[in-house]
Amino acid sequence: MLPDDPIKTIALVVVFGGLVLLAASAFFLFMPQPEEGPPGAEGRAAPRRKVLKTATIEFGGIEMDCVVRNISETGAALEVASPQMCPFAFVLAIPSDNSTRHCRVVWRRGQRLGVRFD
């Protein structure tokens, strides 16, 4: 039953809406999150192995240092100092493997990038 006063009705709706948002926020806050990558990343095309390798992101004559945190045949997770400076597509050079791979960014989270090899 709603109050007769329209101001009280609006206040009641606002309070109820706030409670719903608070409950939803608490639900998502305490949900277990995957360690890395976007939700559903567990179903990758190829299993990744954890590594700790220095690498270079190369694009447009610019080189940025990064760290490869995990890698597979199809992609990798990279840690970079300035993720906002990293373009959508680039070449990843890993000196210890003597390899270069063309990459596309598929997710960004904090200082980490998930890339797919082209």
PDB file of N, CA and C in Angstrom:
ATOM      1  N   MET A   1       0.844  -1.168   0.000  1.00  0.00           N
ATOM      2  CA  MET A   1       0.000   0.000   0.000  1.00  0.00           C
ATOM      3  C   MET A   1       0.900   1.245   0.000  1.00  0.00           C
ATOM      4  N   LEU A   2       0.687   2.125  -0.959  1.00  0.00           N
ATOM      5  CA  LEU A   2       1.490   3.338  -1.100  1.00  0.00           C
ATOM      6  C   LEU A   2       0.887   4.476  -0.287  1.00  0.00           C
ATOM      7  N   PRO A   3       1.710   5.391   0.210  1.00  0.00           N
ATOM      8  CA  PRO A   3       1.211   6.562   0.944  1.00  0.00           C
ATOM      9  C   PRO A   3       0.430   7.486   0.006  1.00  0.00           C
ATOM     10  N   ASP A   4      -0.446   8.311   0.581  1.00  0.00           N
ATOM     11  CA  ASP A   4      -1.253   9.242  -0.203  1.00  0.00           C
ATOM     12  C   ASP A   4      -0.425  10.415  -0.721  1.00  0.00           C
ATOM     13  N   ASP A   5       0.582  10.811   0.001  1.00  0.00           N
ATOM     14  CA  ASP A   5       1.426  11.947  -0.377  1.00  0.00           C
ATOM     15  C   ASP A   5       2.389  11.522  -1.492  1.00  0.00           C
ATOM     16  N   PRO A   6       2.385  12.224  -2.678  1.00  0.00           N
ATOM     17  CA  PRO A   6       3.269  11.836  -3.785  1.00  0.00           C
ATOM     18  C   PRO A   6       4.760  11.923  -3.430  1.00  0.00           C
ATOM     19  N   ILE A   7       5.152  12.839  -2.571  1.00  0.00           N
ATOM     20  CA  ILE A   7       6.549  12.972  -2.154  1.00  0.00           C
ATOM     21  C   ILE A   7       6.982  11.719  -1.384  1.00  0.00           C
ATOM     22  N   LYS A   8       6.108  11.255  -0.484  1.00  0.00           N
ATOM     23  CA  LYS A   8       6.425  10.044   0.268  1.00  0.00           C
ATOM     24  C   LYS A   8       6.484   8.825  -0.655  1.00  0.00           C
ATOM     25  N   THR A   9       5.648   8.787  -1.674  1.00  0.00           N
ATOM     26  CA  THR A   9       5.650   7.692  -2.632  1.00  0.00           C
ATOM     27  C   THR A   9       6.977   7.665  -3.400  1.00  0.00           C
ATOM     28  N   ILE A  10       7.416   8.828  -3.868  1.00  0.00           N
ATOM     29  CA  ILE A  10       8.691   8.921  -4.589  1.00  0.00           C
ATOM     30  C   ILE A  10       9.843   8.509  -3.676  1.00  0.00           C
ATOM     31  N   ALA A  11       9.821   8.978  -2.430  1.00  0.00           N
ATOM     32  CA  ALA A  11      10.876   8.629  -1.483  1.00  0.00           C
ATOM     33  C   ALA A  11      10.910   7.118  -1.249  1.00  0.00           C
ATOM     34  N   LEU A  12       9.745   6.515  -1.140  1.00  0.00           N
ATOM     35  CA  LEU A  12       9.664   5.072  -0.931  1.00  0.00           C
ATOM     36  C   LEU A  12      10.237   4.310  -2.132  1.00  0.00           C
ATOM     37  N   VAL A  13       9.920   4.763  -3.331  1.00  0.00           N
ATOM     38  CA  VAL A  13      10.432   4.122  -4.551  1.00  0.00           C
ATOM     39  C   VAL A  13      11.957   4.268  -4.624  1.00  0.00           C
ATOM     40  N   VAL A  14      12.478   5.449  -4.290  1.00  0.00           N
ATOM     41  CA  VAL A  14      13.921   5.686  -4.317  1.00  0.00           C
ATOM     42  C   VAL A  14      14.631   4.797  -3.292  1.00  0.00           C
ATOM     43  N   VAL A  15      14.089   4.711  -2.101  1.00  0.00           N
ATOM     44  CA  VAL A  15      14.702   3.871  -1.060  1.00  0.00           C
ATOM     45  C   VAL A  15      14.671   2.409  -1.482  1.00  0.00           C
ATOM     46  N   PHE A  16      13.556   1.951  -2.008  1.00  0.00           N
ATOM     47  CA  PHE A  16      13.450   0.563  -2.454  1.00  0.00           C
ATOM     48  C   PHE A  16      14.439   0.281  -3.582  1.00  0.00           C
ATOM     49  N   GLY A  17      14.538   1.196  -4.550  1.00  0.00           N
ATOM     50  CA  GLY A  17      15.499   1.041  -5.651  1.00  0.00           C
ATOM     51  C   GLY A  17      16.926   0.984  -5.134  1.00  0.00           C
ATOM     52  N   GLY A  18      17.251   1.819  -4.152  1.00  0.00           N
ATOM     53  CA  GLY A  18      18.588   1.807  -3.561  1.00  0.00           C
ATOM     54  C   GLY A  18      18.894   0.489  -2.883  1.00  0.00           C
ATOM     55  N   LEU A  19      17.907  -0.078  -2.203  1.00  0.00           N
ATOM     56  CA  LEU A  19      18.100  -1.371  -1.546  1.00  0.00           C
ATOM     57  C   LEU A  19      18.339  -2.484  -2.561  1.00  0.00           C
ATOM     58  N   VAL A  20      17.627  -2.428  -3.679  1.00  0.00           N
ATOM     59  CA  VAL A  20      17.820  -3.427  -4.735  1.00  0.00           C
ATOM     60  C   VAL A  20      19.235  -3.306  -5.309  1.00  0.00           C
ATOM     61  N   LEU A  21      19.694  -2.074  -5.581  1.00  0.00           N
ATOM     62  CA  LEU A  21      21.044  -1.862  -6.099  1.00  0.00           C
ATOM     63  C   LEU A  21      22.105  -2.309  -5.090  1.00  0.00           C
ATOM     64  N   LEU A  22      21.877  -2.041  -3.823  1.00  0.00           N
ATOM     65  CA  LEU A  22      22.813  -2.453  -2.784  1.00  0.00           C
ATOM     66  C   LEU A  22      22.923  -3.974  -2.723  1.00  0.00           C
ATOM     67  N   ALA A  23      21.792  -4.662  -2.786  1.00  0.00           N
ATOM     68  CA  ALA A  23      21.796  -6.123  -2.750  1.00  0.00           C
ATOM     69  C   ALA A  23      22.503  -6.695  -3.980  1.00  0.00           C
ATOM     70  N   ALA A  24      22.252  -6.110  -5.159  1.00  0.00           N
ATOM     71  CA  ALA A  24      22.904  -6.588  -6.377  1.00  0.00           C
ATOM     72  C   ALA A  24      24.409  -6.352  -6.307  1.00  0.00           C
ATOM     73  N   SER A  25      24.829  -5.203  -5.793  1.00  0.00           N
ATOM     74  CA  SER A  25      26.263  -4.907  -5.657  1.00  0.00           C
ATOM     75  C   SER A  25      26.934  -5.903  -4.714  1.00  0.00           C
ATOM     76  N   ALA A  26      26.289  -6.205  -3.600  1.00  0.00           N
ATOM     77  CA  ALA A  26      26.850  -7.152  -2.644  1.00  0.00           C
ATOM     78  C   ALA A  26      26.971  -8.536  -3.282  1.00  0.00           C
ATOM     79  N   PHE A  27      25.987  -8.913  -4.074  1.00  0.00           N
ATOM     80  CA  PHE A  27      26.015 -10.205  -4.750  1.00  0.00           C
ATOM     81  C   PHE A  27      27.228 -10.305  -5.670  1.00  0.00           C
ATOM     82  N   PHE A  28      27.457  -9.286  -6.521  1.00  0.00           N
ATOM     83  CA  PHE A  28      28.572  -9.316  -7.458  1.00  0.00           C
ATOM     84  C   PHE A  28      29.918  -9.117  -6.772  1.00  0.00           C
ATOM     85  N   LEU A  29      29.929  -8.426  -5.657  1.00  0.00           N
ATOM     86  CA  LEU A  29      31.170  -8.208  -4.925  1.00  0.00           C
ATOM     87  C   LEU A  29      31.710  -9.517  -4.366  1.00  0.00           C
ATOM     88  N   PHE A  30      30.836 -10.389  -3.903  1.00  0.00           N
ATOM     89  CA  PHE A  30      31.272 -11.613  -3.260  1.00  0.00           C
ATOM     90  C   PHE A  30      31.246 -12.831  -4.180  1.00  0.00           C
ATOM     91  N   MET A  31      30.920 -12.637  -5.470  1.00  0.00           N
ATOM     92  CA  MET A  31      30.975 -13.740  -6.424  1.00  0.00           C
ATOM     93  C   MET A  31      32.424 -14.093  -6.692  1.00  0.00           C
ATOM     94  N   PRO A  32      32.777 -15.368  -6.792  1.00  0.00           N
ATOM     95  CA  PRO A  32      34.160 -15.712  -7.143  1.00  0.00           C
ATOM     96  C   PRO A  32      34.465 -15.245  -8.560  1.00  0.00           C
ATOM     97  N   GLN A  33      35.650 -14.656  -8.740  1.00  0.00           N
ATOM     98  CA  GLN A  33      36.068 -14.147 -10.035  1.00  0.00           C
ATOM     99  C   GLN A  33      37.191 -15.014 -10.584  1.00  0.00           C
ATOM    100  N   PRO A  34      37.277 -15.134 -11.915  1.00  0.00           N
ATOM    101  CA  PRO A  34      38.397 -15.873 -12.474  1.00  0.00           C
ATOM    102  C   PRO A  34      39.697 -15.139 -12.176  1.00  0.00           C
ATOM    103  N   GLU A  35      40.798 -15.890 -12.097  1.00  0.00           N
ATOM    104  CA  GLU A  35      42.082 -15.287 -11.758  1.00  0.00           C
ATOM    105  C   GLU A  35      42.508 -14.282 -12.811  1.00  0.00           C
ATOM    106  N   GLU A  36      42.270 -14.584 -14.078  1.00  0.00           N
ATOM    107  CA  GLU A  36      42.674 -13.702 -15.154  1.00  0.00           C
ATOM    108  C   GLU A  36      41.656 -13.778 -16.272  1.00  0.00           C
ATOM    109  N   GLY A  37      41.669 -12.743 -17.081  1.00  0.00           N
ATOM    110  CA  GLY A  37      40.866 -12.743 -18.288  1.00  0.00           C
ATOM    111  C   GLY A  37      39.400 -12.496 -18.017  1.00  0.00           C
ATOM    112  N   PRO A  38      38.634 -12.435 -19.073  1.00  0.00           N
ATOM    113  CA  PRO A  38      37.217 -12.166 -18.958  1.00  0.00           C
ATOM    114  C   PRO A  38      36.459 -13.385 -18.484  1.00  0.00           C
ATOM    115  N   PRO A  39      35.203 -13.208 -18.020  1.00  0.00           N
ATOM    116  CA  PRO A  39      34.417 -14.369 -17.632  1.00  0.00           C
ATOM    117  C   PRO A  39      34.332 -15.347 -18.795  1.00  0.00           C
ATOM    118  N   GLY A  40      34.466 -16.620 -18.511  1.00  0.00           N
ATOM    119  CA  GLY A  40      34.402 -17.635 -19.551  1.00  0.00           C
ATOM    120  C   GLY A  40      35.750 -17.952 -20.169  1.00  0.00           C
ATOM    121  N   ALA A  41      36.816 -17.318 -19.694  1.00  0.00           N
ATOM    122  CA  ALA A  41      38.135 -17.536 -20.285  1.00  0.00           C
ATOM    123  C   ALA A  41      38.634 -18.952 -20.040  1.00  0.00           C
ATOM    124  N   GLU A  42      37.994 -19.689 -19.115  1.00  0.00           N
ATOM    125  CA  GLU A  42      38.420 -21.052 -18.837  1.00  0.00           C
ATOM    126  C   GLU A  42      38.241 -21.939 -20.062  1.00  0.00           C
ATOM    127  N   GLY A  43      37.361 -21.573 -20.968  1.00  0.00           N
ATOM    128  CA  GLY A  43      37.099 -22.358 -22.167  1.00  0.00           C
ATOM    129  C   GLY A  43      37.971 -21.912 -23.333  1.00  0.00           C
ATOM    130  N   ARG A  44      39.224 -21.631 -23.098  1.00  0.00           N
ATOM    131  CA  ARG A  44      40.137 -21.176 -24.142  1.00  0.00           C
ATOM    132  C   ARG A  44      40.326 -22.259 -25.201  1.00  0.00           C
ATOM    133  N   ALA A  45      40.755 -21.789 -26.384  1.00  0.00           N
ATOM    134  CA  ALA A  45      41.017 -22.719 -27.483  1.00  0.00           C
ATOM    135  C   ALA A  45      42.224 -23.598 -27.187  1.00  0.00           C
ATOM    136  N   ALA A  46      43.202 -23.062 -26.436  1.00  0.00           N
ATOM    137  CA  ALA A  46      44.404 -23.828 -26.093  1.00  0.00           C
ATOM    138  C   ALA A  46      44.776 -23.522 -24.645  1.00  0.00           C
ATOM    139  N   PRO A  47      45.230 -24.531 -23.894  1.00  0.00           N
ATOM    140  CA  PRO A  47      45.603 -24.281 -22.497  1.00  0.00           C
ATOM    141  C   PRO A  47      46.833 -23.380 -22.416  1.00  0.00           C
ATOM    142  N   ARG A  48      46.832 -22.479 -21.438  1.00  0.00           N
ATOM    143  CA  ARG A  48      47.961 -21.570 -21.246  1.00  0.00           C
ATOM    144  C   ARG A  48      48.841 -22.077 -20.126  1.00  0.00           C
ATOM    145  N   ARG A  49      50.132 -21.781 -20.255  1.00  0.00           N
ATOM    146  CA  ARG A  49      51.062 -22.131 -19.188  1.00  0.00           C
ATOM    147  C   ARG A  49      51.647 -20.843 -18.620  1.00  0.00           C
ATOM    148  N   LYS A  50      51.814 -20.836 -17.310  1.00  0.00           N
ATOM    149  CA  LYS A  50      52.347 -19.657 -16.632  1.00  0.00           C
ATOM    150  C   LYS A  50      53.822 -19.505 -16.954  1.00  0.00           C
ATOM    151  N   VAL A  51      54.202 -18.269 -17.277  1.00  0.00           N
ATOM    152  CA  VAL A  51      55.602 -17.954 -17.561  1.00  0.00           C
ATOM    153  C   VAL A  51      55.901 -16.574 -16.983  1.00  0.00           C
ATOM    154  N   LEU A  52      57.151 -16.196 -17.015  1.00  0.00           N
ATOM    155  CA  LEU A  52      57.560 -14.858 -16.604  1.00  0.00           C
ATOM    156  C   LEU A  52      58.707 -14.461 -17.528  1.00  0.00           C
ATOM    157  N   LYS A  53      58.315 -13.878 -18.682  1.00  0.00           N
ATOM    158  CA  LYS A  53      59.300 -13.552 -19.712  1.00  0.00           C
ATOM    159  C   LYS A  53      59.204 -12.077 -20.076  1.00  0.00           C
ATOM    160  N   THR A  54      60.357 -11.447 -20.250  1.00  0.00           N
ATOM    161  CA  THR A  54      60.355 -10.070 -20.736  1.00  0.00           C
ATOM    162  C   THR A  54      60.098 -10.099 -22.233  1.00  0.00           C
ATOM    163  N   ALA A  55      59.382  -9.070 -22.702  1.00  0.00           N
ATOM    164  CA  ALA A  55      59.035  -8.987 -24.121  1.00  0.00           C
ATOM    165  C   ALA A  55      58.891  -7.515 -24.503  1.00  0.00           C
ATOM    166  N   THR A  56      58.682  -7.292 -25.783  1.00  0.00           N
ATOM    167  CA  THR A  56      58.509  -5.937 -26.295  1.00  0.00           C
ATOM    168  C   THR A  56      57.273  -5.887 -27.175  1.00  0.00           C
ATOM    169  N   ILE A  57      56.461  -4.859 -26.962  1.00  0.00           N
ATOM    170  CA  ILE A  57      55.307  -4.575 -27.813  1.00  0.00           C
ATOM    171  C   ILE A  57      55.784  -3.543 -28.828  1.00  0.00           C
ATOM    172  N   GLU A  58      55.635  -3.859 -30.119  1.00  0.00           N
ATOM    173  CA  GLU A  58      56.124  -2.982 -31.176  1.00  0.00           C
ATOM    174  C   GLU A  58      54.969  -2.538 -32.070  1.00  0.00           C
ATOM    175  N   PHE A  59      54.872  -1.222 -32.295  1.00  0.00           N
ATOM    176  CA  PHE A  59      53.845  -0.674 -33.174  1.00  0.00           C
ATOM    177  C   PHE A  59      54.274   0.712 -33.640  1.00  0.00           C
ATOM    178  N   GLY A  60      54.103   0.982 -34.921  1.00  0.00           N
ATOM    179  CA  GLY A  60      54.384   2.305 -35.472  1.00  0.00           C
ATOM    180  C   GLY A  60      55.758   2.850 -35.137  1.00  0.00           C
ATOM    181  N   GLY A  61      56.777   2.005 -35.096  1.00  0.00           N
ATOM    182  CA  GLY A  61      58.120   2.451 -34.766  1.00  0.00           C
ATOM    183  C   GLY A  61      58.360   2.675 -33.285  1.00  0.00           C
ATOM    184  N   ILE A  62      57.375   2.365 -32.450  1.00  0.00           N
ATOM    185  CA  ILE A  62      57.482   2.526 -30.997  1.00  0.00           C
ATOM    186  C   ILE A  62      57.643   1.153 -30.363  1.00  0.00           C
ATOM    187  N   GLU A  63      58.452   1.084 -29.310  1.00  0.00           N
ATOM    188  CA  GLU A  63      58.617  -0.159 -28.554  1.00  0.00           C
ATOM    189  C   GLU A  63      58.264   0.080 -27.093  1.00  0.00           C
ATOM    190  N   MET A  64      57.470  -0.824 -26.522  1.00  0.00           N
ATOM    191  CA  MET A  64      57.090  -0.779 -25.105  1.00  0.00           C
ATOM    192  C   MET A  64      57.500  -2.090 -24.458  1.00  0.00           C
ATOM    193  N   ASP A  65      58.122  -1.996 -23.305  1.00  0.00           N
ATOM    194  CA  ASP A  65      58.466  -3.210 -22.564  1.00  0.00           C
ATOM    195  C   ASP A  65      57.213  -3.802 -21.924  1.00  0.00           C
ATOM    196  N   CYS A  66      57.196  -5.123 -21.797  1.00  0.00           N
ATOM    197  CA  CYS A  66      56.097  -5.801 -21.118  1.00  0.00           C
ATOM    198  C   CYS A  66      56.623  -7.109 -20.546  1.00  0.00           C
ATOM    199  N   VAL A  67      55.764  -7.781 -19.799  1.00  0.00           N
ATOM    200  CA  VAL A  67      56.075  -9.092 -19.235  1.00  0.00           C
ATOM    201  C   VAL A  67      54.983 -10.057 -19.673  1.00  0.00           C
ATOM    202  N   VAL A  68      55.394 -11.194 -20.217  1.00  0.00           N
ATOM    203  CA  VAL A  68      54.442 -12.242 -20.582  1.00  0.00           C
ATOM    204  C   VAL A  68      54.186 -13.050 -19.321  1.00  0.00           C
ATOM    205  N   ARG A  69      52.922 -13.075 -18.880  1.00  0.00           N
ATOM    206  CA  ARG A  69      52.564 -13.786 -17.642  1.00  0.00           C
ATOM    207  C   ARG A  69      52.093 -15.209 -17.908  1.00  0.00           C
ATOM    208  N   ASN A  70      51.401 -15.420 -19.015  1.00  0.00           N
ATOM    209  CA  ASN A  70      51.069 -16.779 -19.438  1.00  0.00           C
ATOM    210  C   ASN A  70      50.924 -16.785 -20.946  1.00  0.00           C
ATOM    211  N   ILE A  71      51.061 -17.972 -21.537  1.00  0.00           N
ATOM    212  CA  ILE A  71      51.093 -18.060 -23.001  1.00  0.00           C
ATOM    213  C   ILE A  71      50.560 -19.410 -23.453  1.00  0.00           C
ATOM    214  N   SER A  72      49.996 -19.433 -24.663  1.00  0.00           N
ATOM    215  CA  SER A  72      49.548 -20.666 -25.298  1.00  0.00           C
ATOM    216  C   SER A  72      49.835 -20.554 -26.784  1.00  0.00           C
ATOM    217  N   GLU A  73      49.377 -21.527 -27.532  1.00  0.00           N
ATOM    218  CA  GLU A  73      49.534 -21.474 -28.989  1.00  0.00           C
ATOM    219  C   GLU A  73      48.683 -20.365 -29.598  1.00  0.00           C
ATOM    220  N   THR A  74      47.599 -19.970 -28.922  1.00  0.00           N
ATOM    221  CA  THR A  74      46.656 -19.016 -29.512  1.00  0.00           C
ATOM    222  C   THR A  74      46.691 -17.620 -28.907  1.00  0.00           C
ATOM    223  N   GLY A  75      47.354 -17.436 -27.754  1.00  0.00           N
ATOM    224  CA  GLY A  75      47.353 -16.115 -27.144  1.00  0.00           C
ATOM    225  C   GLY A  75      48.196 -16.044 -25.890  1.00  0.00           C
ATOM    226  N   ALA A  76      48.113 -14.894 -25.212  1.00  0.00           N
ATOM    227  CA  ALA A  76      48.929 -14.683 -24.017  1.00  0.00           C
ATOM    228  C   ALA A  76      48.292 -13.605 -23.144  1.00  0.00           C
ATOM    229  N   ALA A  77      48.731 -13.562 -21.892  1.00  0.00           N
ATOM    230  CA  ALA A  77      48.386 -12.471 -20.976  1.00  0.00           C
ATOM    231  C   ALA A  77      49.673 -11.684 -20.749  1.00  0.00           C
ATOM    232  N   LEU A  78      49.587 -10.377 -20.964  1.00  0.00           N
ATOM    233  CA  LEU A  78      50.749  -9.501 -20.843  1.00  0.00           C
ATOM    234  C   LEU A  78      50.535  -8.509 -19.724  1.00  0.00           C
ATOM    235  N   GLU A  79      51.617  -8.118 -19.073  1.00  0.00           N
ATOM    236  CA  GLU A  79      51.561  -7.062 -18.068  1.00  0.00           C
ATOM    237  C   GLU A  79      52.363  -5.883 -18.604  1.00  0.00           C
ATOM    238  N   VAL A  80      51.727  -4.701 -18.620  1.00  0.00           N
ATOM    239  CA  VAL A  80      52.359  -3.503 -19.183  1.00  0.00           C
ATOM    240  C   VAL A  80      52.273  -2.363 -18.184  1.00  0.00           C
ATOM    241  N   ALA A  81      53.197  -1.415 -18.303  1.00  0.00           N
ATOM    242  CA  ALA A  81      53.199  -0.267 -17.394  1.00  0.00           C
ATOM    243  C   ALA A  81      52.087   0.720 -17.747  1.00  0.00           C
ATOM    244  N   SER A  82      51.817   0.898 -19.044  1.00  0.00           N
ATOM    245  CA  SER A  82      50.812   1.865 -19.504  1.00  0.00           C
ATOM    246  C   SER A  82      49.848   1.204 -20.482  1.00  0.00           C
ATOM    247  N   PRO A  83      48.841   0.495 -19.977  1.00  0.00           N
ATOM    248  CA  PRO A  83      47.933  -0.205 -20.887  1.00  0.00           C
ATOM    249  C   PRO A  83      47.172   0.730 -21.818  1.00  0.00           C
ATOM    250  N   GLN A  84      46.934   1.972 -21.384  1.00  0.00           N
ATOM    251  CA  GLN A  84      46.199   2.914 -22.230  1.00  0.00           C
ATOM    252  C   GLN A  84      47.006   3.311 -23.460  1.00  0.00           C
ATOM    253  N   MET A  85      48.320   3.147 -23.424  1.00  0.00           N
ATOM    254  CA  MET A  85      49.183   3.487 -24.550  1.00  0.00           C
ATOM    255  C   MET A  85      49.287   2.344 -25.562  1.00  0.00           C
ATOM    256  N   CYS A  86      48.776   1.187 -25.206  1.00  0.00           N
ATOM    257  CA  CYS A  86      48.902   0.005 -26.046  1.00  0.00           C
ATOM    258  C   CYS A  86      47.767  -0.018 -27.086  1.00  0.00           C
ATOM    259  N   PRO A  87      48.114  -0.152 -28.376  1.00  0.00           N
ATOM    260  CA  PRO A  87      47.081  -0.167 -29.420  1.00  0.00           C
ATOM    261  C   PRO A  87      46.328  -1.495 -29.457  1.00  0.00           C
ATOM    262  N   PHE A  88      45.316  -1.550 -30.292  1.00  0.00           N
ATOM    263  CA  PHE A  88      44.487  -2.733 -30.451  1.00  0.00           C
ATOM    264  C   PHE A  88      45.265  -3.883 -31.095  1.00  0.00           C
ATOM    265  N   ALA A  89      46.177  -3.569 -32.016  1.00  0.00           N
ATOM    266  CA  ALA A  89      46.966  -4.591 -32.704  1.00  0.00           C
ATOM    267  C   ALA A  89      48.434  -4.181 -32.684  1.00  0.00           C
ATOM    268  N   PHE A  90      49.329  -5.168 -32.527  1.00  0.00           N
ATOM    269  CA  PHE A  90      50.757  -4.891 -32.456  1.00  0.00           C
ATOM    270  C   PHE A  90      51.539  -6.178 -32.676  1.00  0.00           C
ATOM    271  N   VAL A  91      52.873  -6.039 -32.690  1.00  0.00           N
ATOM    272  CA  VAL A  91      53.768  -7.193 -32.785  1.00  0.00           C
ATOM    273  C   VAL A  91      54.383  -7.405 -31.407  1.00  0.00           C
ATOM    274  N   LEU A  92      54.343  -8.639 -30.933  1.00  0.00           N
ATOM    275  CA  LEU A  92      54.938  -9.007 -29.651  1.00  0.00           C
ATOM    276  C   LEU A  92      56.249  -9.742 -29.934  1.00  0.00           C
ATOM    277  N   ALA A  93      57.344  -9.206 -29.434  1.00  0.00           N
ATOM    278  CA  ALA A  93      58.658  -9.838 -29.608  1.00  0.00           C
ATOM    279  C   ALA A  93      59.113 -10.400 -28.264  1.00  0.00           C
ATOM    280  N   ILE A  94      59.417 -11.708 -28.237  1.00  0.00           N
ATOM    281  CA  ILE A  94      59.891 -12.375 -27.024  1.00  0.00           C
ATOM    282  C   ILE A  94      61.316 -12.852 -27.298  1.00  0.00           C
ATOM    283  N   PRO A  95      62.321 -12.090 -26.830  1.00  0.00           N
ATOM    284  CA  PRO A  95      63.715 -12.432 -27.130  1.00  0.00           C
ATOM    285  C   PRO A  95      64.143 -13.819 -26.642  1.00  0.00           C
ATOM    286  N   SER A  96      63.696 -14.243 -25.464  1.00  0.00           N
ATOM    287  CA  SER A  96      64.129 -15.543 -24.932  1.00  0.00           C
ATOM    288  C   SER A  96      63.654 -16.714 -25.796  1.00  0.00           C
ATOM    289  N   ASP A  97      62.552 -16.524 -26.527  1.00  0.00           N
ATOM    290  CA  ASP A  97      62.033 -17.547 -27.437  1.00  0.00           C
ATOM    291  C   ASP A  97      62.479 -17.294 -28.874  1.00  0.00           C
ATOM    292  N   ASN A  98      63.125 -16.137 -29.092  1.00  0.00           N
ATOM    293  CA  ASN A  98      63.496 -15.706 -30.438  1.00  0.00           C
ATOM    294  C   ASN A  98      62.263 -15.715 -31.349  1.00  0.00           C
ATOM    295  N   SER A  99      61.142 -15.156 -30.822  1.00  0.00           N
ATOM    296  CA  SER A  99      59.888 -15.188 -31.576  1.00  0.00           C
ATOM    297  C   SER A  99      59.251 -13.809 -31.663  1.00  0.00           C
ATOM    298  N   THR A 100      58.508 -13.626 -32.725  1.00  0.00           N
ATOM    299  CA  THR A 100      57.663 -12.439 -32.879  1.00  0.00           C
ATOM    300  C   THR A 100      56.294 -12.925 -33.328  1.00  0.00           C
ATOM    301  N   ARG A 101      55.256 -12.331 -32.745  1.00  0.00           N
ATOM    302  CA  ARG A 101      53.878 -12.729 -33.069  1.00  0.00           C
ATOM    303  C   ARG A 101      53.026 -11.485 -33.273  1.00  0.00           C
ATOM    304  N   HIS A 102      52.186 -11.490 -34.298  1.00  0.00           N
ATOM    305  CA  HIS A 102      51.205 -10.431 -34.490  1.00  0.00           C
ATOM    306  C   HIS A 102      50.050 -10.713 -33.531  1.00  0.00           C
ATOM    307  N   CYS A 103      49.614  -9.681 -32.796  1.00  0.00           N
ATOM    308  CA  CYS A 103      48.601  -9.848 -31.741  1.00  0.00           C
ATOM    309  C   CYS A 103      47.446  -8.872 -31.903  1.00  0.00           C
ATOM    310  N   ARG A 104      46.316  -9.253 -31.334  1.00  0.00           N
ATOM    311  CA  ARG A 104      45.153  -8.367 -31.181  1.00  0.00           C
ATOM    312  C   ARG A 104      44.709  -8.457 -29.725  1.00  0.00           C
ATOM    313  N   VAL A 105      44.417  -7.304 -29.124  1.00  0.00           N
ATOM    314  CA  VAL A 105      43.960  -7.267 -27.739  1.00  0.00           C
ATOM    315  C   VAL A 105      42.516  -7.741 -27.685  1.00  0.00           C
ATOM    316  N   VAL A 106      42.235  -8.693 -26.787  1.00  0.00           N
ATOM    317  CA  VAL A 106      40.868  -9.188 -26.624  1.00  0.00           C
ATOM    318  C   VAL A 106      40.263  -8.799 -25.280  1.00  0.00           C
ATOM    319  N   TRP A 107      41.103  -8.432 -24.299  1.00  0.00           N
ATOM    320  CA  TRP A 107      40.593  -7.906 -23.032  1.00  0.00           C
ATOM    321  C   TRP A 107      41.671  -7.086 -22.358  1.00  0.00           C
ATOM    322  N   ARG A 108      41.223  -6.167 -21.497  1.00  0.00           N
ATOM    323  CA  ARG A 108      42.103  -5.318 -20.692  1.00  0.00           C
ATOM    324  C   ARG A 108      41.578  -5.316 -19.270  1.00  0.00           C
ATOM    325  N   ARG A 109      42.490  -5.475 -18.322  1.00  0.00           N
ATOM    326  CA  ARG A 109      42.099  -5.426 -16.912  1.00  0.00           C
ATOM    327  C   ARG A 109      43.295  -4.903 -16.128  1.00  0.00           C
ATOM    328  N   GLY A 110      43.171  -3.683 -15.604  1.00  0.00           N
ATOM    329  CA  GLY A 110      44.262  -3.074 -14.855  1.00  0.00           C
ATOM    330  C   GLY A 110      45.499  -2.943 -15.719  1.00  0.00           C
ATOM    331  N   GLN A 111      46.593  -3.507 -15.248  1.00  0.00           N
ATOM    332  CA  GLN A 111      47.867  -3.453 -15.973  1.00  0.00           C
ATOM    333  C   GLN A 111      48.032  -4.621 -16.945  1.00  0.00           C
ATOM    334  N   ARG A 112      47.010  -5.458 -17.082  1.00  0.00           N
ATOM    335  CA  ARG A 112      47.106  -6.650 -17.904  1.00  0.00           C
ATOM    336  C   ARG A 112      46.303  -6.544 -19.195  1.00  0.00           C
ATOM    337  N   LEU A 113      46.827  -7.213 -20.217  1.00  0.00           N
ATOM    338  CA  LEU A 113      46.155  -7.322 -21.517  1.00  0.00           C
ATOM    339  C   LEU A 113      46.080  -8.800 -21.884  1.00  0.00           C
ATOM    340  N   GLY A 114      44.967  -9.198 -22.432  1.00  0.00           N
ATOM    341  CA  GLY A 114      44.861 -10.524 -23.017  1.00  0.00           C
ATOM    342  C   GLY A 114      44.938 -10.363 -24.514  1.00  0.00           C
ATOM    343  N   VAL A 115      45.819 -11.110 -25.158  1.00  0.00           N
ATOM    344  CA  VAL A 115      45.969 -10.987 -26.606  1.00  0.00           C
ATOM    345  C   VAL A 115      45.738 -12.329 -27.286  1.00  0.00           C
ATOM    346  N   ARG A 116      45.264 -12.231 -28.508  1.00  0.00           N
ATOM    347  CA  ARG A 116      45.100 -13.395 -29.369  1.00  0.00           C
ATOM    348  C   ARG A 116      46.132 -13.255 -30.484  1.00  0.00           C
ATOM    349  N   PHE A 117      46.816 -14.343 -30.790  1.00  0.00           N
ATOM    350  CA  PHE A 117      47.794 -14.310 -31.866  1.00  0.00           C
ATOM    351  C   PHE A 117      47.080 -14.407 -33.204  1.00  0.00           C
ATOM    352  N   ASP A 118      47.494 -13.571 -34.145  1.00  0.00           N
ATOM    353  CA  ASP A 118      46.916 -13.611 -35.502  1.00  0.00           C
ATOM    354  C   ASP A 118      47.611 -14.652 -36.345  1.00  0.00           C
TER     355      ASP A 118
END
